[in-house]
PDB file of all heavy atoms in Angstrom:
ATOM      1  N   LYS A   1      14.301   3.991  -6.315  1.00  0.00           N
ATOM      2  CA  LYS A   1      14.683   3.925  -4.905  1.00  0.00           C
ATOM      3  C   LYS A   1      13.514   3.512  -4.019  1.00  0.00           C
ATOM      4  O   LYS A   1      13.716   2.830  -3.004  1.00  0.00           O
ATOM      5  CB  LYS A   1      15.247   5.276  -4.458  1.00  0.00           C
ATOM      6  CG  LYS A   1      16.609   5.585  -5.058  1.00  0.00           C
ATOM      7  CD  LYS A   1      17.184   6.904  -4.559  1.00  0.00           C
ATOM      8  CE  LYS A   1      18.579   7.133  -5.135  1.00  0.00           C
ATOM      9  NZ  LYS A   1      19.166   8.411  -4.687  1.00  0.00           N
ATOM     10  N   THR A   2      12.319   3.895  -4.402  1.00  0.00           N
ATOM     11  CA  THR A   2      11.145   3.501  -3.625  1.00  0.00           C
ATOM     12  C   THR A   2      11.011   1.977  -3.589  1.00  0.00           C
ATOM     13  O   THR A   2      10.741   1.395  -2.530  1.00  0.00           O
ATOM     14  CB  THR A   2       9.881   4.128  -4.202  1.00  0.00           C
ATOM     15  OG1 THR A   2       9.849   3.909  -5.627  1.00  0.00           O
ATOM     16  CG2 THR A   2       9.829   5.619  -3.925  1.00  0.00           C
ATOM     17  N   ASP A   3      11.203   1.326  -4.725  1.00  0.00           N
ATOM     18  CA  ASP A   3      11.076  -0.131  -4.790  1.00  0.00           C
ATOM     19  C   ASP A   3      12.215  -0.824  -4.053  1.00  0.00           C
ATOM     20  O   ASP A   3      12.007  -1.811  -3.339  1.00  0.00           O
ATOM     21  CB  ASP A   3      11.053  -0.602  -6.246  1.00  0.00           C
ATOM     22  CG  ASP A   3       9.810  -0.164  -6.996  1.00  0.00           C
ATOM     23  OD1 ASP A   3       8.836   0.264  -6.332  1.00  0.00           O
ATOM     24  OD2 ASP A   3       9.809  -0.242  -8.239  1.00  0.00           O
ATOM     25  N   ALA A   4      13.434  -0.311  -4.227  1.00  0.00           N
ATOM     26  CA  ALA A   4      14.594  -0.927  -3.586  1.00  0.00           C
ATOM     27  C   ALA A   4      14.496  -0.839  -2.070  1.00  0.00           C
ATOM     28  O   ALA A   4      14.819  -1.800  -1.344  1.00  0.00           O
ATOM     29  CB  ALA A   4      15.873  -0.265  -4.075  1.00  0.00           C
ATOM     30  N   LEU A   5      14.031   0.289  -1.575  1.00  0.00           N
ATOM     31  CA  LEU A   5      13.934   0.462  -0.128  1.00  0.00           C
ATOM     32  C   LEU A   5      12.784  -0.346   0.449  1.00  0.00           C
ATOM     33  O   LEU A   5      12.894  -0.918   1.536  1.00  0.00           O
ATOM     34  CB  LEU A   5      13.770   1.950   0.204  1.00  0.00           C
ATOM     35  CG  LEU A   5      14.140   2.361   1.629  1.00  0.00           C
ATOM     36  CD1 LEU A   5      15.554   1.934   1.990  1.00  0.00           C
ATOM     37  CD2 LEU A   5      13.983   3.866   1.794  1.00  0.00           C
ATOM     38  N   ARG A   6      11.680  -0.402  -0.282  1.00  0.00           N
ATOM     39  CA  ARG A   6      10.567  -1.245   0.171  1.00  0.00           C
ATOM     40  C   ARG A   6      11.029  -2.697   0.313  1.00  0.00           C
ATOM     41  O   ARG A   6      10.723  -3.366   1.315  1.00  0.00           O
ATOM     42  CB  ARG A   6       9.407  -1.179  -0.821  1.00  0.00           C
ATOM     43  CG  ARG A   6       8.269  -2.130  -0.454  1.00  0.00           C
ATOM     44  CD  ARG A   6       7.354  -2.379  -1.627  1.00  0.00           C
ATOM     45  NE  ARG A   6       6.496  -1.259  -1.910  1.00  0.00           N
ATOM     46  CZ  ARG A   6       5.307  -1.058  -1.321  1.00  0.00           C
ATOM     47  NH1 ARG A   6       4.853  -1.924  -0.431  1.00  0.00           N
ATOM     48  NH2 ARG A   6       4.582  -0.010  -1.645  1.00  0.00           N
ATOM     49  N   MET A   7      11.786  -3.178  -0.665  1.00  0.00           N
ATOM     50  CA  MET A   7      12.286  -4.546  -0.641  1.00  0.00           C
ATOM     51  C   MET A   7      13.134  -4.795   0.612  1.00  0.00           C
ATOM     52  O   MET A   7      12.992  -5.821   1.285  1.00  0.00           O
ATOM     53  CB  MET A   7      13.116  -4.816  -1.897  1.00  0.00           C
ATOM     54  CG  MET A   7      13.705  -6.213  -1.987  1.00  0.00           C
ATOM     55  SD  MET A   7      14.814  -6.356  -3.417  1.00  0.00           S
ATOM     56  CE  MET A   7      13.687  -5.940  -4.759  1.00  0.00           C
ATOM     57  N   GLN A   8      14.002  -3.856   0.927  1.00  0.00           N
ATOM     58  CA  GLN A   8      14.870  -4.023   2.088  1.00  0.00           C
ATOM     59  C   GLN A   8      14.078  -4.024   3.394  1.00  0.00           C
ATOM     60  O   GLN A   8      14.302  -4.865   4.280  1.00  0.00           O
ATOM     61  CB  GLN A   8      15.906  -2.907   2.125  1.00  0.00           C
ATOM     62  CG  GLN A   8      16.904  -2.965   0.996  1.00  0.00           C
ATOM     63  CD  GLN A   8      17.903  -1.835   1.112  1.00  0.00           C
ATOM     64  OE1 GLN A   8      18.781  -1.860   1.962  1.00  0.00           O
ATOM     65  NE2 GLN A   8      17.756  -0.832   0.274  1.00  0.00           N
ATOM     66  N   ILE A   9      13.150  -3.080   3.526  1.00  0.00           N
ATOM     67  CA  ILE A   9      12.384  -2.985   4.762  1.00  0.00           C
ATOM     68  C   ILE A   9      11.503  -4.211   4.959  1.00  0.00           C
ATOM     69  O   ILE A   9      11.350  -4.715   6.078  1.00  0.00           O
ATOM     70  CB  ILE A   9      11.556  -1.689   4.775  1.00  0.00           C
ATOM     71  CG1 ILE A   9      12.495  -0.479   4.883  1.00  0.00           C
ATOM     72  CG2 ILE A   9      10.550  -1.682   5.936  1.00  0.00           C
ATOM     73  CD1 ILE A   9      11.808   0.859   4.748  1.00  0.00           C
ATOM     74  N   GLU A  10      10.944  -4.729   3.889  1.00  0.00           N
ATOM     75  CA  GLU A  10      10.108  -5.924   4.007  1.00  0.00           C
ATOM     76  C   GLU A  10      10.912  -7.133   4.459  1.00  0.00           C
ATOM     77  O   GLU A  10      10.367  -8.039   5.099  1.00  0.00           O
ATOM     78  CB  GLU A  10       9.420  -6.213   2.665  1.00  0.00           C
ATOM     79  CG  GLU A  10       8.301  -5.207   2.362  1.00  0.00           C
ATOM     80  CD  GLU A  10       7.651  -5.430   1.013  1.00  0.00           C
ATOM     81  OE1 GLU A  10       8.255  -6.142   0.167  1.00  0.00           O
ATOM     82  OE2 GLU A  10       6.542  -4.891   0.793  1.00  0.00           O
ATOM     83  N   ARG A  11      12.203  -7.149   4.160  1.00  0.00           N
ATOM     84  CA  ARG A  11      13.064  -8.238   4.626  1.00  0.00           C
ATOM     85  C   ARG A  11      13.457  -8.058   6.090  1.00  0.00           C
ATOM     86  O   ARG A  11      13.802  -9.023   6.765  1.00  0.00           O
ATOM     87  CB  ARG A  11      14.319  -8.313   3.757  1.00  0.00           C
ATOM     88  CG  ARG A  11      14.052  -8.832   2.349  1.00  0.00           C
ATOM     89  CD  ARG A  11      15.290  -8.759   1.487  1.00  0.00           C
ATOM     90  NE  ARG A  11      15.044  -9.342   0.169  1.00  0.00           N
ATOM     91  CZ  ARG A  11      15.909  -9.280  -0.832  1.00  0.00           C
ATOM     92  NH1 ARG A  11      17.075  -8.643  -0.670  1.00  0.00           N
ATOM     93  NH2 ARG A  11      15.619  -9.837  -1.999  1.00  0.00           N
ATOM     94  N   ILE A  12      13.413  -6.813   6.564  1.00  0.00           N
ATOM     95  CA  ILE A  12      13.723  -6.532   7.967  1.00  0.00           C
ATOM     96  C   ILE A  12      12.502  -6.748   8.840  1.00  0.00           C
ATOM     97  O   ILE A  12      12.571  -7.382   9.900  1.00  0.00           O
ATOM     98  CB  ILE A  12      14.230  -5.086   8.118  1.00  0.00           C
ATOM     99  CG1 ILE A  12      15.562  -4.906   7.392  1.00  0.00           C
ATOM    100  CG2 ILE A  12      14.371  -4.701   9.594  1.00  0.00           C
ATOM    101  CD1 ILE A  12      15.977  -3.450   7.226  1.00  0.00           C
ATOM    102  N   ASP A  13      11.382  -6.184   8.420  1.00  0.00           N
ATOM    103  CA  ASP A  13      10.133  -6.273   9.184  1.00  0.00           C
ATOM    104  C   ASP A  13       8.965  -6.331   8.207  1.00  0.00           C
ATOM    105  O   ASP A  13       8.491  -5.293   7.739  1.00  0.00           O
ATOM    106  CB  ASP A  13      10.002  -5.073  10.117  1.00  0.00           C
ATOM    107  CG  ASP A  13       8.781  -5.164  11.024  1.00  0.00           C
ATOM    108  OD1 ASP A  13       7.901  -6.013  10.767  1.00  0.00           O
ATOM    109  OD2 ASP A  13       8.702  -4.391  11.988  1.00  0.00           O
ATOM    110  N   PRO A  14       8.513  -7.513   7.892  1.00  0.00           N
ATOM    111  CA  PRO A  14       7.449  -7.657   6.891  1.00  0.00           C
ATOM    112  C   PRO A  14       6.091  -7.135   7.341  1.00  0.00           C
ATOM    113  O   PRO A  14       5.147  -7.100   6.561  1.00  0.00           O
ATOM    114  CB  PRO A  14       7.405  -9.159   6.641  1.00  0.00           C
ATOM    115  CG  PRO A  14       7.909  -9.767   7.905  1.00  0.00           C
ATOM    116  CD  PRO A  14       8.957  -8.812   8.410  1.00  0.00           C
ATOM    117  N   PHE A  15       5.988  -6.721   8.608  1.00  0.00           N
ATOM    118  CA  PHE A  15       4.708  -6.247   9.121  1.00  0.00           C
ATOM    119  C   PHE A  15       4.541  -4.739   8.998  1.00  0.00           C
ATOM    120  O   PHE A  15       3.471  -4.205   9.318  1.00  0.00           O
ATOM    121  CB  PHE A  15       4.547  -6.665  10.584  1.00  0.00           C
ATOM    122  CG  PHE A  15       4.609  -8.156  10.775  1.00  0.00           C
ATOM    123  CD1 PHE A  15       5.749  -8.750  11.284  1.00  0.00           C
ATOM    124  CD2 PHE A  15       3.536  -8.959  10.437  1.00  0.00           C
ATOM    125  CE1 PHE A  15       5.821 -10.118  11.463  1.00  0.00           C
ATOM    126  CE2 PHE A  15       3.598 -10.335  10.598  1.00  0.00           C
ATOM    127  CZ  PHE A  15       4.746 -10.919  11.108  1.00  0.00           C
ATOM    128  N   VAL A  16       5.580  -4.027   8.569  1.00  0.00           N
ATOM    129  CA  VAL A  16       5.461  -2.585   8.359  1.00  0.00           C
ATOM    130  C   VAL A  16       4.582  -2.330   7.126  1.00  0.00           C
ATOM    131  O   VAL A  16       4.788  -2.939   6.077  1.00  0.00           O
ATOM    132  CB  VAL A  16       6.837  -1.931   8.153  1.00  0.00           C
ATOM    133  CG1 VAL A  16       6.670  -0.436   7.857  1.00  0.00           C
ATOM    134  CG2 VAL A  16       7.710  -2.115   9.369  1.00  0.00           C
ATOM    135  N   ALA A  17       3.632  -1.431   7.261  1.00  0.00           N
ATOM    136  CA  ALA A  17       2.794  -1.030   6.125  1.00  0.00           C
ATOM    137  C   ALA A  17       3.517   0.082   5.374  1.00  0.00           C
ATOM    138  O   ALA A  17       3.678   1.186   5.909  1.00  0.00           O
ATOM    139  CB  ALA A  17       1.436  -0.564   6.616  1.00  0.00           C
ATOM    140  N   ILE A  18       3.942  -0.207   4.165  1.00  0.00           N
ATOM    141  CA  ILE A  18       4.745   0.733   3.390  1.00  0.00           C
ATOM    142  C   ILE A  18       3.940   1.267   2.210  1.00  0.00           C
ATOM    143  O   ILE A  18       3.398   0.490   1.427  1.00  0.00           O
ATOM    144  CB  ILE A  18       6.026   0.058   2.868  1.00  0.00           C
ATOM    145  CG1 ILE A  18       6.841  -0.515   4.027  1.00  0.00           C
ATOM    146  CG2 ILE A  18       6.869   1.057   2.066  1.00  0.00           C
ATOM    147  CD1 ILE A  18       7.988  -1.389   3.572  1.00  0.00           C
ATOM    148  N   GLU A  19       3.907   2.579   2.102  1.00  0.00           N
ATOM    149  CA  GLU A  19       3.321   3.233   0.930  1.00  0.00           C
ATOM    150  C   GLU A  19       4.446   3.959   0.213  1.00  0.00           C
ATOM    151  O   GLU A  19       5.274   4.607   0.858  1.00  0.00           O
ATOM    152  CB  GLU A  19       2.243   4.228   1.342  1.00  0.00           C
ATOM    153  CG  GLU A  19       1.602   4.959   0.161  1.00  0.00           C
ATOM    154  CD  GLU A  19       0.597   6.017   0.598  1.00  0.00           C
ATOM    155  OE1 GLU A  19       0.434   6.231   1.817  1.00  0.00           O
ATOM    156  OE2 GLU A  19       0.000   6.647  -0.299  1.00  0.00           O
ATOM    157  N   THR A  20       4.514   3.833  -1.093  1.00  0.00           N
ATOM    158  CA  THR A  20       5.557   4.521  -1.849  1.00  0.00           C
ATOM    159  C   THR A  20       4.937   5.418  -2.906  1.00  0.00           C
ATOM    160  O   THR A  20       3.881   5.126  -3.459  1.00  0.00           O
ATOM    161  CB  THR A  20       6.518   3.522  -2.532  1.00  0.00           C
ATOM    162  OG1 THR A  20       5.768   2.715  -3.459  1.00  0.00           O
ATOM    163  CG2 THR A  20       7.202   2.625  -1.514  1.00  0.00           C
ATOM    164  N   LYS A  21       5.641   6.514  -3.177  1.00  0.00           N
ATOM    165  CA  LYS A  21       5.246   7.424  -4.254  1.00  0.00           C
ATOM    166  C   LYS A  21       6.496   7.759  -5.053  1.00  0.00           C
ATOM    167  O   LYS A  21       7.403   8.426  -4.547  1.00  0.00           O
ATOM    168  CB  LYS A  21       4.593   8.683  -3.693  1.00  0.00           C
ATOM    169  CG  LYS A  21       3.236   8.422  -3.042  1.00  0.00           C
ATOM    170  CD  LYS A  21       2.555   9.720  -2.648  1.00  0.00           C
ATOM    171  CE  LYS A  21       1.222   9.442  -1.955  1.00  0.00           C
ATOM    172  NZ  LYS A  21       0.234   8.828  -2.858  1.00  0.00           N
ATOM    173  N   ASN A  22       6.546   7.262  -6.274  1.00  0.00           N
ATOM    174  CA  ASN A  22       7.685   7.506  -7.158  1.00  0.00           C
ATOM    175  C   ASN A  22       7.403   8.789  -7.949  1.00  0.00           C
ATOM    176  O   ASN A  22       7.010   8.751  -9.105  1.00  0.00           O
ATOM    177  CB  ASN A  22       7.886   6.302  -8.086  1.00  0.00           C
ATOM    178  CG  ASN A  22       9.177   6.370  -8.851  1.00  0.00           C
ATOM    179  OD1 ASN A  22      10.023   7.238  -8.586  1.00  0.00           O
ATOM    180  ND2 ASN A  22       9.367   5.473  -9.795  1.00  0.00           N
ATOM    181  N   VAL A  23       7.638   9.916  -7.283  1.00  0.00           N
ATOM    182  CA  VAL A  23       7.266  11.208  -7.853  1.00  0.00           C
ATOM    183  C   VAL A  23       8.189  12.285  -7.304  1.00  0.00           C
ATOM    184  O   VAL A  23       8.688  12.169  -6.178  1.00  0.00           O
ATOM    185  CB  VAL A  23       5.794  11.546  -7.517  1.00  0.00           C
ATOM    186  CG1 VAL A  23       5.591  11.670  -6.018  1.00  0.00           C
ATOM    187  CG2 VAL A  23       5.323  12.797  -8.222  1.00  0.00           C
ATOM    188  N   LYS A  24       8.421  13.322  -8.075  1.00  0.00           N
ATOM    189  CA  LYS A  24       9.193  14.460  -7.584  1.00  0.00           C
ATOM    190  C   LYS A  24       8.258  15.369  -6.802  1.00  0.00           C
ATOM    191  O   LYS A  24       7.184  15.748  -7.278  1.00  0.00           O
ATOM    192  CB  LYS A  24       9.822  15.236  -8.743  1.00  0.00           C
ATOM    193  CG  LYS A  24      10.620  16.457  -8.279  1.00  0.00           C
ATOM    194  CD  LYS A  24      11.351  17.110  -9.429  1.00  0.00           C
ATOM    195  CE  LYS A  24      12.052  18.390  -8.970  1.00  0.00           C
ATOM    196  NZ  LYS A  24      13.001  18.162  -7.851  1.00  0.00           N
ATOM    197  N   VAL A  25       8.666  15.727  -5.625  1.00  0.00           N
ATOM    198  CA  VAL A  25       7.851  16.583  -4.771  1.00  0.00           C
ATOM    199  C   VAL A  25       8.019  18.032  -5.232  1.00  0.00           C
ATOM    200  O   VAL A  25       9.135  18.531  -5.406  1.00  0.00           O
ATOM    201  CB  VAL A  25       8.275  16.452  -3.299  1.00  0.00           C
ATOM    202  CG1 VAL A  25       7.427  17.374  -2.421  1.00  0.00           C
ATOM    203  CG2 VAL A  25       8.125  15.008  -2.836  1.00  0.00           C
ATOM    204  N   THR A  26       6.891  18.703  -5.423  1.00  0.00           N
ATOM    205  CA  THR A  26       6.896  20.107  -5.841  1.00  0.00           C
ATOM    206  C   THR A  26       5.968  20.908  -4.929  1.00  0.00           C
ATOM    207  O   THR A  26       5.223  20.354  -4.113  1.00  0.00           O
ATOM    208  CB  THR A  26       6.414  20.250  -7.287  1.00  0.00           C
ATOM    209  OG1 THR A  26       5.014  19.884  -7.357  1.00  0.00           O
ATOM    210  CG2 THR A  26       7.217  19.358  -8.236  1.00  0.00           C
ATOM    211  N   GLU A  27       5.997  22.208  -5.127  1.00  0.00           N
ATOM    212  CA  GLU A  27       5.108  23.079  -4.367  1.00  0.00           C
ATOM    213  C   GLU A  27       3.651  22.744  -4.646  1.00  0.00           C
ATOM    214  O   GLU A  27       2.784  22.902  -3.777  1.00  0.00           O
ATOM    215  CB  GLU A  27       5.395  24.533  -4.725  1.00  0.00           C
ATOM    216  CG  GLU A  27       4.621  25.548  -3.908  1.00  0.00           C
ATOM    217  CD  GLU A  27       5.018  26.975  -4.241  1.00  0.00           C
ATOM    218  OE1 GLU A  27       5.877  27.169  -5.135  1.00  0.00           O
ATOM    219  OE2 GLU A  27       4.457  27.896  -3.608  1.00  0.00           O
ATOM    220  N   ASP A  28       3.369  22.258  -5.836  1.00  0.00           N
ATOM    221  CA  ASP A  28       1.989  21.966  -6.233  1.00  0.00           C
ATOM    222  C   ASP A  28       1.448  20.657  -5.667  1.00  0.00           C
ATOM    223  O   ASP A  28       0.236  20.524  -5.492  1.00  0.00           O
ATOM    224  CB  ASP A  28       1.882  21.936  -7.757  1.00  0.00           C
ATOM    225  CG  ASP A  28       2.132  23.294  -8.388  1.00  0.00           C
ATOM    226  OD1 ASP A  28       1.825  24.316  -7.734  1.00  0.00           O
ATOM    227  OD2 ASP A  28       2.644  23.341  -9.524  1.00  0.00           O
ATOM    228  N   ASN A  29       2.341  19.679  -5.411  1.00  0.00           N
ATOM    229  CA  ASN A  29       1.825  18.383  -4.961  1.00  0.00           C
ATOM    230  C   ASN A  29       2.200  18.014  -3.529  1.00  0.00           C
ATOM    231  O   ASN A  29       1.765  16.983  -3.020  1.00  0.00           O
ATOM    232  CB  ASN A  29       2.266  17.256  -5.906  1.00  0.00           C
ATOM    233  CG  ASN A  29       3.775  17.044  -5.926  1.00  0.00           C
ATOM    234  OD1 ASN A  29       4.502  17.469  -5.034  1.00  0.00           O
ATOM    235  ND2 ASN A  29       4.256  16.371  -6.977  1.00  0.00           N
ATOM    236  N   ALA A  30       3.011  18.829  -2.856  1.00  0.00           N
ATOM    237  CA  ALA A  30       3.505  18.468  -1.523  1.00  0.00           C
ATOM    238  C   ALA A  30       2.370  18.263  -0.523  1.00  0.00           C
ATOM    239  O   ALA A  30       2.371  17.289   0.247  1.00  0.00           O
ATOM    240  CB  ALA A  30       4.475  19.527  -1.011  1.00  0.00           C
ATOM    241  N   GLU A  31       1.401  19.150  -0.528  1.00  0.00           N
ATOM    242  CA  GLU A  31       0.285  19.010   0.411  1.00  0.00           C
ATOM    243  C   GLU A  31      -0.498  17.738   0.137  1.00  0.00           C
ATOM    244  O   GLU A  31      -0.889  17.012   1.067  1.00  0.00           O
ATOM    245  CB  GLU A  31      -0.634  20.224   0.337  1.00  0.00           C
ATOM    246  CG  GLU A  31      -1.819  20.124   1.287  1.00  0.00           C
ATOM    247  CD  GLU A  31      -2.693  21.366   1.270  1.00  0.00           C
ATOM    248  OE1 GLU A  31      -2.335  22.355   0.582  1.00  0.00           O
ATOM    249  OE2 GLU A  31      -3.743  21.351   1.941  1.00  0.00           O
ATOM    250  N   ARG A  32      -0.715  17.423  -1.120  1.00  0.00           N
ATOM    251  CA  ARG A  32      -1.454  16.214  -1.471  1.00  0.00           C
ATOM    252  C   ARG A  32      -0.696  14.959  -1.062  1.00  0.00           C
ATOM    253  O   ARG A  32      -1.295  13.999  -0.560  1.00  0.00           O
ATOM    254  CB  ARG A  32      -1.723  16.204  -2.974  1.00  0.00           C
ATOM    255  CG  ARG A  32      -2.562  15.020  -3.453  1.00  0.00           C
ATOM    256  CD  ARG A  32      -3.012  15.209  -4.873  1.00  0.00           C
ATOM    257  NE  ARG A  32      -1.908  15.175  -5.838  1.00  0.00           N
ATOM    258  CZ  ARG A  32      -1.414  16.233  -6.452  1.00  0.00           C
ATOM    259  NH1 ARG A  32      -1.919  17.436  -6.222  1.00  0.00           N
ATOM    260  NH2 ARG A  32      -0.419  16.111  -7.329  1.00  0.00           N
ATOM    261  N   ILE A  33       0.612  14.955  -1.225  1.00  0.00           N
ATOM    262  CA  ILE A  33       1.423  13.780  -0.909  1.00  0.00           C
ATOM    263  C   ILE A  33       1.492  13.535   0.588  1.00  0.00           C
ATOM    264  O   ILE A  33       1.337  12.409   1.063  1.00  0.00           O
ATOM    265  CB  ILE A  33       2.842  13.930  -1.483  1.00  0.00           C
ATOM    266  CG1 ILE A  33       2.792  13.885  -3.016  1.00  0.00           C
ATOM    267  CG2 ILE A  33       3.766  12.838  -0.954  1.00  0.00           C
ATOM    268  CD1 ILE A  33       4.123  14.223  -3.667  1.00  0.00           C
ATOM    269  N   PHE A  34       1.721  14.607   1.369  1.00  0.00           N
ATOM    270  CA  PHE A  34       2.002  14.448   2.794  1.00  0.00           C
ATOM    271  C   PHE A  34       0.857  14.864   3.701  1.00  0.00           C
ATOM    272  O   PHE A  34       1.012  14.889   4.922  1.00  0.00           O
ATOM    273  CB  PHE A  34       3.254  15.256   3.165  1.00  0.00           C
ATOM    274  CG  PHE A  34       4.480  14.844   2.390  1.00  0.00           C
ATOM    275  CD1 PHE A  34       4.989  15.649   1.383  1.00  0.00           C
ATOM    276  CD2 PHE A  34       5.103  13.639   2.656  1.00  0.00           C
ATOM    277  CE1 PHE A  34       6.112  15.272   0.663  1.00  0.00           C
ATOM    278  CE2 PHE A  34       6.227  13.242   1.938  1.00  0.00           C
ATOM    279  CZ  PHE A  34       6.729  14.060   0.952  1.00  0.00           C
ATOM    280  N   GLY A  35      -0.300  15.149   3.126  1.00  0.00           N
ATOM    281  CA  GLY A  35      -1.405  15.667   3.906  1.00  0.00           C
ATOM    282  C   GLY A  35      -1.885  14.778   5.024  1.00  0.00           C
ATOM    283  O   GLY A  35      -2.415  15.261   6.038  1.00  0.00           O
ATOM    284  N   ASP A  36      -1.721  13.465   4.895  1.00  0.00           N
ATOM    285  CA  ASP A  36      -2.193  12.530   5.915  1.00  0.00           C
ATOM    286  C   ASP A  36      -1.125  12.200   6.949  1.00  0.00           C
ATOM    287  O   ASP A  36      -1.360  11.346   7.812  1.00  0.00           O
ATOM    288  CB  ASP A  36      -2.669  11.228   5.260  1.00  0.00           C
ATOM    289  CG  ASP A  36      -3.944  11.434   4.457  1.00  0.00           C
ATOM    290  OD1 ASP A  36      -4.693  12.385   4.761  1.00  0.00           O
ATOM    291  OD2 ASP A  36      -4.192  10.665   3.517  1.00  0.00           O
ATOM    292  N   HIS A  37       0.031  12.830   6.859  1.00  0.00           N
ATOM    293  CA  HIS A  37       1.132  12.537   7.781  1.00  0.00           C
ATOM    294  C   HIS A  37       1.470  13.776   8.609  1.00  0.00           C
ATOM    295  O   HIS A  37       1.635  14.866   8.069  1.00  0.00           O
ATOM    296  CB  HIS A  37       2.355  12.060   7.007  1.00  0.00           C
ATOM    297  CG  HIS A  37       2.168  10.705   6.395  1.00  0.00           C
ATOM    298  ND1 HIS A  37       1.361  10.495   5.290  1.00  0.00           N
ATOM    299  CD2 HIS A  37       2.671   9.491   6.736  1.00  0.00           C
ATOM    300  CE1 HIS A  37       1.373   9.206   4.985  1.00  0.00           C
ATOM    301  NE2 HIS A  37       2.151   8.580   5.841  1.00  0.00           N
ATOM    302  N   ASP A  38       1.584  13.581   9.897  1.00  0.00           N
ATOM    303  CA  ASP A  38       1.874  14.703  10.786  1.00  0.00           C
ATOM    304  C   ASP A  38       3.374  14.954  10.939  1.00  0.00           C
ATOM    305  O   ASP A  38       3.779  16.058  11.295  1.00  0.00           O
ATOM    306  CB  ASP A  38       1.265  14.458  12.167  1.00  0.00           C
ATOM    307  CG  ASP A  38      -0.252  14.473  12.129  1.00  0.00           C
ATOM    308  OD1 ASP A  38      -0.800  15.240  11.316  1.00  0.00           O
ATOM    309  OD2 ASP A  38      -0.873  13.731  12.892  1.00  0.00           O
ATOM    310  N   VAL A  39       4.201  13.931  10.702  1.00  0.00           N
ATOM    311  CA  VAL A  39       5.650  14.062  10.850  1.00  0.00           C
ATOM    312  C   VAL A  39       6.319  13.675   9.531  1.00  0.00           C
ATOM    313  O   VAL A  39       6.126  12.556   9.031  1.00  0.00           O
ATOM    314  CB  VAL A  39       6.181  13.159  11.981  1.00  0.00           C
ATOM    315  CG1 VAL A  39       7.694  13.356  12.138  1.00  0.00           C
ATOM    316  CG2 VAL A  39       5.476  13.459  13.284  1.00  0.00           C
ATOM    317  N   ILE A  40       7.092  14.606   8.977  1.00  0.00           N
ATOM    318  CA  ILE A  40       7.739  14.377   7.684  1.00  0.00           C
ATOM    319  C   ILE A  40       9.235  14.633   7.820  1.00  0.00           C
ATOM    320  O   ILE A  40       9.646  15.693   8.307  1.00  0.00           O
ATOM    321  CB  ILE A  40       7.160  15.308   6.583  1.00  0.00           C
ATOM    322  CG1 ILE A  40       5.671  15.046   6.389  1.00  0.00           C
ATOM    323  CG2 ILE A  40       7.917  15.120   5.271  1.00  0.00           C
ATOM    324  CD1 ILE A  40       4.765  15.967   7.166  1.00  0.00           C
TER     325      ILE A  40
END
C-alpha cells in the first residue's frame, strides 16, 4: 500500500516529499517511526 499510494500522490502532485515505511507499527517502534512528526 505504501508503494501504491506513493504512485498515486506523485501523479497528483509530484512536488510532495513522500517518505514511506512498509512496517507494522508496534509499541516498540512507534516512537522511532513518528518521532520527527508532530501531527499523526
